[in-house]
Every structure is written in C-alpha cells, then in structure tokens.
Amino acid sequence: MRKMMIICLAALAIPVVARAMDNNLMISGYVDGEFQAQQGPDLTTVDPNDTTWKTSFGDASHAVFWATGNPSDNVSFKTEVYYWQNNNQLALNQANLTWSVMGDKLGVDFGKFYFPFGIEARSRYATTNKLVTEPSAGNGVGIVGWADNGIDIHGMMKMNDQLSWSWSAAVSNGRAGTNLVTQTTDANNNNKTIGGRVEVMPMGDKLNVGGSVAYGAWDAAGDNKYILAGGHAILDYVQNLDVRGEFYWQDVQNVAPTSTNPDAKAMAFYAQGAYRYPIAGMNYIEPVVRFGWMDPNTDVSNDSFSQIAVGVGFSPVEHFTL
C-alpha cells in the first residue's frame, strides 16, 4: 500500500515537474546508501537462555533519496524517500512545500516534515553525522527525529555579522504509545503535538546553541500527555573540527496508573567530535568518535545504557565520501 501511494504521488508530480522544467526549474538532491554488517544476540529465538549470536549482512541497510526544487521565487518543495532492506519497504519521510512569506525572516511549511525538536533530525544521514549509525541516545529509542504531517512556521533574524538567531514552531498530528519504544508517527490521536526550536549563533557560523520543546498526548483519548525538552550545541570554531552534542529529557504521564511511579521519565545525551585531515592530491580523511548515554526511565534503577561509536570517513574527490 505504501509503495502504491508513493508511486501515485510521484505520478501526480510528473506533469508539474515537466511544466516547471519548461520554466527552467532546477532540481537538486542526493542519494545516500548505507550497508551494515553486524553481529549480536539472536533475538528471534524464544528461549531466553539461548545465547546464540547472529551475524547479519545487509539486513539493517537502507538508502535515502532526497530532492528539492523551487517552482517559483517564493515556493520550494522537499521530498525524501527511504528504502529499508530488512522488510523491502519504501517510506515517505518528507513531502512538503515551503512558502517564503518574507524571505528568510518568515516562512511556512505545509505537509510532512521533521518536527522541529532537537538537531538530530538534521544528522540522520552519514553525510551529516559522520557515522553510518545514528546516535542511539534519543533517536534509537524514539525520542527525536520523527516526521509528521502538519504546519510549521519558521524564521531567521540576523542582528550583525556575528549574531543571528532562528526559530521554528509547529503543530502536527501527534504521536502515540505508552513508552519510548512504541511511539509512532501520524497517530491522529485526538490531540495535536505542538512545539518548536530556537537557535542562537553568537559567533557567526562558528557556534550554534539552542533549545527545543514538544508537548502532546500519547493515548487515543487524549487524556495523558507527554513533554519533551532538549538542548544542543554545535561548535565549528577550529578549522576542520566539528564538535556537537545534545541533551534530551522526556516525561510520559500515567504510563502505569497503578504503580507508585506512574510516569516514565527519560534522559539522554550524546557528544561527538570529528576532524578532517586534508590529503595531498585527494580530498580528506575524517576520524570520528561519539559517546552516548540513555536512561529510558530514571525512576527505575539499572536500566541505563551507553554507547561508544568510532569510525572514519574518506573522501578521495569532492562530492564523494566513503
């Protein structure tokens, strides 16, 4: 069904794109393919005492097809399609129009977009987050990086060459699920999710700090709420060095009404550093290290976990990275 819907949407867009091409419309985009080989406990067995390990080649691999264009001076569109190897499925993550009401000062997004909470949604791809894996703190358990249908207003103000700030506020269909793992998107759960993000750039493009918040209901009746709060920092002060980190906090209300701790409170953070070493006659090599920590319920002891990820990127020529 999802494949058919995506194919139909693409078919509807063909005549529009054809007319736009006659008007010299420029469409740009990229393809990001990620192949993963991994080894871990075989979770398919029903025996809890079975310690068999399973080696997987390609099961967690996926590809991203992303494109954007400008049908007019004030209107642009963005599309993003994911292909998942493990279930051979296509997923439409983004499909939205942006109307620039007042240039960079005020714009409006309509359609399906990444909800403006945190910066991790902008680091979903290896081309941005420097590693094939995403940070497990947050996105790996469903806190951030979700896409939803709704409307978003955003803007940017530049005070001078060294100081600027941006903001974004959105209303979307809402999420569902009684814990972090089972939250889903496009829930239409009788209550909308509202929230947004503020970012400040006090050193030009060398430093970006900000905060985010999201609020909504997780149950179908809309009686129980959840709230998300977070903060981030991106530092590019030293040439070729990229340092970023993010912190999240979530409270899902009334998850276990008969318990002494009915709410589920979660905390998570990650920090990452990457340095690009220029290579004579080529482009660069980039080692990366990331540390993440997550506690899915701070009221329950011994359920936190951490992750250390290391990797290296190699770019023999511009616009191509391994």
Protein backbone atom coordinates (compact mmCIF):
# COMPACT_ATOMS: atom_id res chain seq x y z
CA MET A 1 0.00 0.00 0.00
CA ARG A 2 2.76 2.45 0.93
CA LYS A 3 4.62 1.65 -2.28
CA MET A 4 1.47 2.28 -4.29
CA MET A 5 0.86 5.62 -2.53
CA ILE A 6 4.43 6.77 -3.18
CA ILE A 7 4.23 5.73 -6.84
CA CYS A 8 0.91 7.58 -7.20
CA LEU A 9 2.35 10.72 -5.62
CA ALA A 10 5.32 10.55 -7.96
CA ALA A 11 2.99 10.10 -10.95
CA LEU A 12 0.96 13.13 -9.93
CA ALA A 13 4.13 15.18 -9.67
CA ILE A 14 5.38 14.31 -13.19
CA PRO A 15 3.27 16.86 -15.14
CA VAL A 16 4.01 19.55 -12.56
CA VAL A 17 7.72 18.88 -12.79
CA ALA A 18 7.56 18.81 -16.58
CA ARG A 19 5.93 22.24 -16.70
CA ALA A 20 8.42 23.52 -14.15
CA MET A 21 11.33 22.26 -16.24
CA ASP A 22 9.98 24.36 -19.11
CA ASN A 23 10.31 27.32 -16.74
CA ASN A 24 13.96 26.44 -16.04
CA LEU A 25 13.27 24.82 -12.65
CA MET A 26 16.43 23.44 -11.07
CA ILE A 27 16.01 20.26 -9.01
CA SER A 28 18.86 19.11 -6.80
CA GLY A 29 19.28 16.19 -4.44
CA TYR A 30 21.41 13.27 -3.37
CA VAL A 31 21.37 9.53 -2.77
CA ASP A 32 22.80 8.13 0.48
CA GLY A 33 23.21 4.36 0.58
CA GLU A 34 24.30 2.65 3.80
CA PHE A 35 25.25 -1.04 4.08
CA GLN A 36 25.60 -2.56 7.54
CA ALA A 37 27.14 -5.86 8.64
CA GLN A 38 26.59 -6.59 12.32
CA GLN A 39 26.80 -9.31 14.93
CA GLY A 40 24.66 -9.61 18.05
CA PRO A 41 22.39 -11.89 20.10
CA ASP A 42 19.84 -13.80 18.04
CA LEU A 43 16.62 -12.13 19.23
CA THR A 44 14.44 -14.36 17.04
CA THR A 45 14.73 -17.32 19.42
CA VAL A 46 12.02 -17.84 22.04
CA ASP A 47 14.40 -19.39 24.56
CA PRO A 48 15.62 -16.69 26.99
CA ASN A 49 18.61 -18.85 27.90
CA ASP A 50 19.74 -19.19 24.29
CA THR A 51 23.00 -17.25 23.89
CA THR A 52 23.34 -17.87 20.15
CA TRP A 53 24.83 -14.96 18.23
CA LYS A 54 23.66 -13.97 14.80
CA THR A 55 25.70 -12.40 12.01
CA SER A 56 23.75 -10.17 9.65
CA PHE A 57 24.95 -8.81 6.31
CA GLY A 58 22.81 -6.04 4.90
CA ASP A 59 19.65 -6.63 6.96
CA ALA A 60 19.88 -3.18 8.57
CA SER A 61 20.93 -1.41 5.37
CA HIS A 62 18.93 1.34 3.77
CA ALA A 63 19.03 4.02 1.11
CA VAL A 64 17.81 7.61 1.11
CA PHE A 65 16.56 9.51 -1.94
CA TRP A 66 16.28 13.24 -1.24
CA ALA A 67 15.39 16.04 -3.63
CA THR A 68 14.43 19.71 -3.51
CA GLY A 69 13.45 22.34 -6.04
CA ASN A 70 11.99 25.83 -6.50
CA PRO A 71 8.88 26.06 -8.70
CA SER A 72 8.87 29.82 -8.08
CA ASP A 73 10.88 32.50 -6.31
CA ASN A 74 8.87 32.14 -3.10
CA VAL A 75 7.97 28.45 -3.15
CA SER A 76 10.17 25.38 -2.77
CA PHE A 77 9.47 21.69 -2.22
CA LYS A 78 11.32 18.88 -0.48
CA THR A 79 10.89 15.12 -0.78
CA GLU A 80 12.61 12.24 0.98
CA VAL A 81 12.05 8.53 0.39
CA TYR A 82 13.65 5.78 2.48
CA TYR A 83 14.22 2.20 1.31
CA TRP A 84 14.63 -0.38 4.10
CA GLN A 85 16.42 -3.64 3.26
CA ASN A 86 15.10 -5.67 6.23
CA ASN A 87 11.47 -5.52 5.11
CA ASN A 88 11.86 -4.39 1.48
CA GLN A 89 9.67 -1.35 2.12
CA LEU A 90 9.58 2.24 0.92
CA ALA A 91 8.73 5.02 3.38
CA LEU A 92 7.89 8.64 2.56
CA ASN A 93 9.64 10.63 5.30
CA GLN A 94 9.22 14.11 3.86
CA ALA A 95 6.93 15.68 1.28
CA ASN A 96 6.32 19.37 1.92
CA LEU A 97 6.06 22.79 0.38
CA THR A 98 7.76 25.86 1.83
CA TRP A 99 6.31 29.30 1.21
CA SER A 100 8.82 32.11 1.87
CA VAL A 101 6.45 34.84 3.02
CA MET A 102 9.22 37.31 3.87
CA GLY A 103 12.39 35.66 2.62
CA ASP A 104 14.49 34.19 5.45
CA LYS A 105 12.58 36.23 8.04
CA LEU A 106 9.32 34.25 7.76
CA GLY A 107 8.41 31.00 6.05
CA VAL A 108 5.67 28.37 6.26
CA ASP A 109 5.95 24.60 5.68
CA PHE A 110 2.93 22.51 4.67
CA GLY A 111 2.89 18.70 4.51
CA LYS A 112 5.11 16.05 6.07
CA PHE A 113 8.32 17.25 7.70
CA TYR A 114 10.69 16.52 10.56
CA PHE A 115 9.21 18.02 13.70
CA PRO A 116 11.47 20.89 14.89
CA PHE A 117 12.72 19.21 18.05
CA GLY A 118 16.46 18.85 18.55
CA ILE A 119 19.17 18.78 15.90
CA GLU A 120 19.43 15.02 15.48
CA ALA A 121 16.84 15.01 12.70
CA ARG A 122 19.36 17.05 10.72
CA SER A 123 22.03 14.40 11.42
CA ARG A 124 20.17 11.29 10.30
CA TYR A 125 22.47 10.60 7.37
CA ALA A 126 26.10 9.51 7.33
CA THR A 127 26.90 12.53 5.15
CA THR A 128 25.97 14.79 8.09
CA ASN A 129 26.52 12.85 11.32
CA LYS A 130 29.87 11.47 10.09
CA LEU A 131 29.00 7.87 11.07
CA VAL A 132 26.78 5.28 9.39
CA THR A 133 24.96 4.69 12.67
CA GLU A 134 22.72 7.36 14.20
CA PRO A 135 23.17 8.37 17.85
CA SER A 136 21.39 5.74 19.96
CA ALA A 137 20.73 8.34 22.67
CA GLY A 138 17.43 9.78 21.53
CA ASN A 139 16.67 8.57 18.03
CA GLY A 140 17.47 4.95 18.74
CA VAL A 141 14.62 4.76 21.26
CA GLY A 142 12.18 7.14 19.61
CA ILE A 143 12.69 10.48 21.41
CA VAL A 144 13.64 12.69 18.47
CA GLY A 145 13.91 12.74 14.72
CA TRP A 146 10.30 11.91 13.87
CA ALA A 147 8.40 13.04 10.80
CA ASP A 148 4.74 14.09 10.92
CA ASN A 149 2.05 15.83 8.90
CA GLY A 150 1.22 19.39 9.91
CA ILE A 151 2.19 23.03 9.52
CA ASP A 152 5.39 24.75 10.59
CA ILE A 153 6.30 28.45 10.70
CA HIS A 154 9.92 29.49 10.93
CA GLY A 155 12.21 32.44 10.53
CA MET A 156 15.71 33.84 10.96
CA MET A 157 16.94 37.22 12.18
CA LYS A 158 20.47 38.49 11.56
CA MET A 159 21.48 41.19 14.02
CA ASN A 160 25.01 41.66 12.66
CA ASP A 161 27.84 39.65 11.08
CA GLN A 162 28.48 37.80 14.36
CA LEU A 163 24.99 37.40 15.85
CA SER A 164 21.89 35.78 14.37
CA TRP A 165 19.09 33.59 15.62
CA SER A 166 16.38 31.39 14.18
CA TRP A 167 13.11 29.95 15.42
CA SER A 168 10.56 27.34 14.38
CA ALA A 169 7.10 26.45 15.73
CA ALA A 170 4.91 23.57 14.54
CA VAL A 171 1.58 21.82 15.02
CA SER A 172 1.32 18.22 13.79
CA ASN A 173 -0.97 15.19 14.01
CA GLY A 174 0.61 13.94 17.22
CA ARG A 175 2.28 10.79 18.47
CA ALA A 176 1.11 7.67 20.31
CA GLY A 177 2.48 4.92 22.53
CA THR A 178 2.92 4.36 26.23
CA ASN A 179 6.72 4.26 26.18
CA LEU A 180 9.66 5.43 24.13
CA VAL A 181 9.98 2.31 22.00
CA THR A 182 6.38 2.07 20.77
CA GLN A 183 5.78 5.73 19.97
CA THR A 184 4.70 6.11 16.36
CA THR A 185 4.08 8.97 13.99
CA ASP A 186 0.90 10.18 12.32
CA ALA A 187 -1.17 8.91 15.24
CA ASN A 188 -4.18 11.22 14.79
CA ASN A 189 -4.82 10.59 18.48
CA ASN A 190 -7.42 13.35 19.01
CA ASN A 191 -4.70 15.71 20.22
CA LYS A 192 -2.00 17.50 18.31
CA THR A 193 1.68 17.82 19.12
CA ILE A 194 2.87 21.40 19.46
CA GLY A 195 6.39 22.67 19.97
CA GLY A 196 9.43 24.16 18.32
CA ARG A 197 13.08 25.09 18.44
CA VAL A 198 15.17 28.25 18.99
CA GLU A 199 18.77 28.51 17.83
CA VAL A 200 21.30 31.28 18.52
CA MET A 201 24.50 31.81 16.52
CA PRO A 202 26.61 34.25 18.61
CA MET A 203 29.88 33.70 16.71
CA GLY A 204 28.73 33.77 13.12
CA ASP A 205 28.71 30.18 11.84
CA LYS A 206 31.29 29.04 14.44
CA LEU A 207 28.82 28.27 17.25
CA ASN A 208 25.17 27.21 17.35
CA VAL A 209 23.35 26.75 20.67
CA GLY A 210 19.64 26.27 21.25
CA GLY A 211 16.74 24.53 22.90
CA SER A 212 13.62 22.61 21.88
CA VAL A 213 10.30 21.56 23.37
CA ALA A 214 7.36 19.39 22.28
CA TYR A 215 4.05 18.69 24.02
CA GLY A 216 1.09 16.47 23.21
CA ALA A 217 -0.98 13.40 24.08
CA TRP A 218 0.13 9.80 23.69
CA ASP A 219 -3.20 7.95 24.20
CA ALA A 220 -6.14 7.72 21.80
CA ALA A 221 -8.49 9.53 24.19
CA GLY A 222 -6.06 12.41 24.65
CA ASP A 223 -6.18 12.19 28.45
CA ASN A 224 -2.48 11.52 29.08
CA LYS A 225 0.26 13.87 27.97
CA TYR A 226 3.97 13.78 27.29
CA ILE A 227 6.50 16.59 27.24
CA LEU A 228 9.92 16.70 25.61
CA ALA A 229 12.69 19.20 26.32
CA GLY A 230 16.21 19.38 24.99
CA GLY A 231 19.27 21.48 24.31
CA HIS A 232 22.11 21.34 21.78
CA ALA A 233 25.45 22.88 20.81
CA ILE A 234 27.44 22.72 17.55
CA LEU A 235 30.98 24.12 17.58
CA ASP A 236 33.00 24.73 14.41
CA TYR A 237 35.48 27.23 15.86
CA VAL A 238 38.60 25.26 14.90
CA GLN A 239 39.07 24.73 11.17
CA ASN A 240 38.17 21.17 10.05
CA LEU A 241 36.96 20.24 13.58
CA ASP A 242 33.24 19.54 14.12
CA VAL A 243 32.07 19.10 17.73
CA ARG A 244 28.41 18.62 18.59
CA GLY A 245 26.32 17.44 21.50
CA GLU A 246 22.69 17.16 22.55
CA PHE A 247 20.69 16.52 25.70
CA TYR A 248 17.07 15.29 25.96
CA TRP A 249 14.53 14.90 28.73
CA GLN A 250 11.06 13.34 28.41
CA ASP A 251 8.12 12.75 30.76
CA VAL A 252 5.36 10.40 29.57
CA GLN A 253 2.48 10.78 32.02
CA ASN A 254 0.41 8.00 33.58
CA VAL A 255 2.11 5.08 31.86
CA ALA A 256 1.48 2.77 34.84
CA PRO A 257 -1.51 4.22 36.74
CA THR A 258 -1.44 1.54 39.45
CA SER A 259 2.28 1.95 40.12
CA THR A 260 3.94 4.16 42.73
CA ASN A 261 5.79 5.78 39.79
CA PRO A 262 3.07 6.17 37.13
CA ASP A 263 5.11 8.45 34.87
CA ALA A 264 8.03 7.36 32.67
CA LYS A 265 10.85 9.92 32.76
CA ALA A 266 13.75 9.54 30.35
CA MET A 267 17.10 11.29 29.94
CA ALA A 268 19.69 11.01 27.18
CA PHE A 269 22.70 12.81 25.75
CA TYR A 270 25.47 12.31 23.23
CA ALA A 271 28.70 14.12 22.32
CA GLN A 272 30.61 13.74 19.08
CA GLY A 273 33.84 15.00 17.54
CA ALA A 274 35.20 14.70 14.01
CA TYR A 275 38.34 16.12 12.40
CA ARG A 276 39.04 16.35 8.67
CA TYR A 277 42.69 15.80 7.72
CA PRO A 278 43.42 17.15 4.22
CA ILE A 279 45.25 14.69 1.94
CA ALA A 280 47.62 15.89 -0.75
CA GLY A 281 46.30 15.03 -4.19
CA MET A 282 42.94 13.90 -2.77
CA ASN A 283 40.30 15.43 -0.54
CA TYR A 284 40.36 14.36 3.13
CA ILE A 285 40.20 11.59 5.72
CA GLU A 286 37.96 12.12 8.78
CA PRO A 287 38.14 10.08 12.01
CA VAL A 288 35.05 10.31 14.24
CA VAL A 289 34.22 9.35 17.83
CA ARG A 290 30.85 9.56 19.60
CA PHE A 291 29.72 8.79 23.13
CA GLY A 292 26.04 8.46 24.05
CA TRP A 293 24.12 7.69 27.24
CA MET A 294 20.45 6.86 27.73
CA ASP A 295 18.16 6.10 30.68
CA PRO A 296 14.70 5.12 29.40
CA ASN A 297 13.14 5.52 32.88
CA THR A 298 15.02 7.47 35.55
CA ASP A 299 12.65 6.14 38.25
CA VAL A 300 13.85 2.58 37.58
CA SER A 301 17.37 1.62 38.62
CA ASN A 302 19.88 -0.28 36.47
CA ASP A 303 18.16 0.36 33.15
CA SER A 304 20.53 2.94 31.68
CA PHE A 305 22.98 2.14 28.91
CA SER A 306 25.77 3.83 26.99
CA GLN A 307 27.29 3.60 23.54
CA ILE A 308 30.72 4.35 22.11
CA ALA A 309 30.97 4.59 18.33
CA VAL A 310 34.12 5.19 16.29
CA GLY A 311 34.59 5.42 12.58
CA VAL A 312 36.41 7.04 9.70
CA GLY A 313 35.30 8.81 6.56
CA PHE A 314 37.36 9.05 3.37
CA SER A 315 36.70 11.45 0.52
CA PRO A 316 39.02 10.83 -2.47
CA VAL A 317 37.32 13.56 -4.53
CA GLU A 318 34.83 16.31 -3.78
CA HIS A 319 31.14 15.26 -3.50
CA PHE A 320 32.04 11.60 -2.84
CA THR A 321 32.52 10.10 0.62
CA LEU A 322 33.10 6.59 1.93
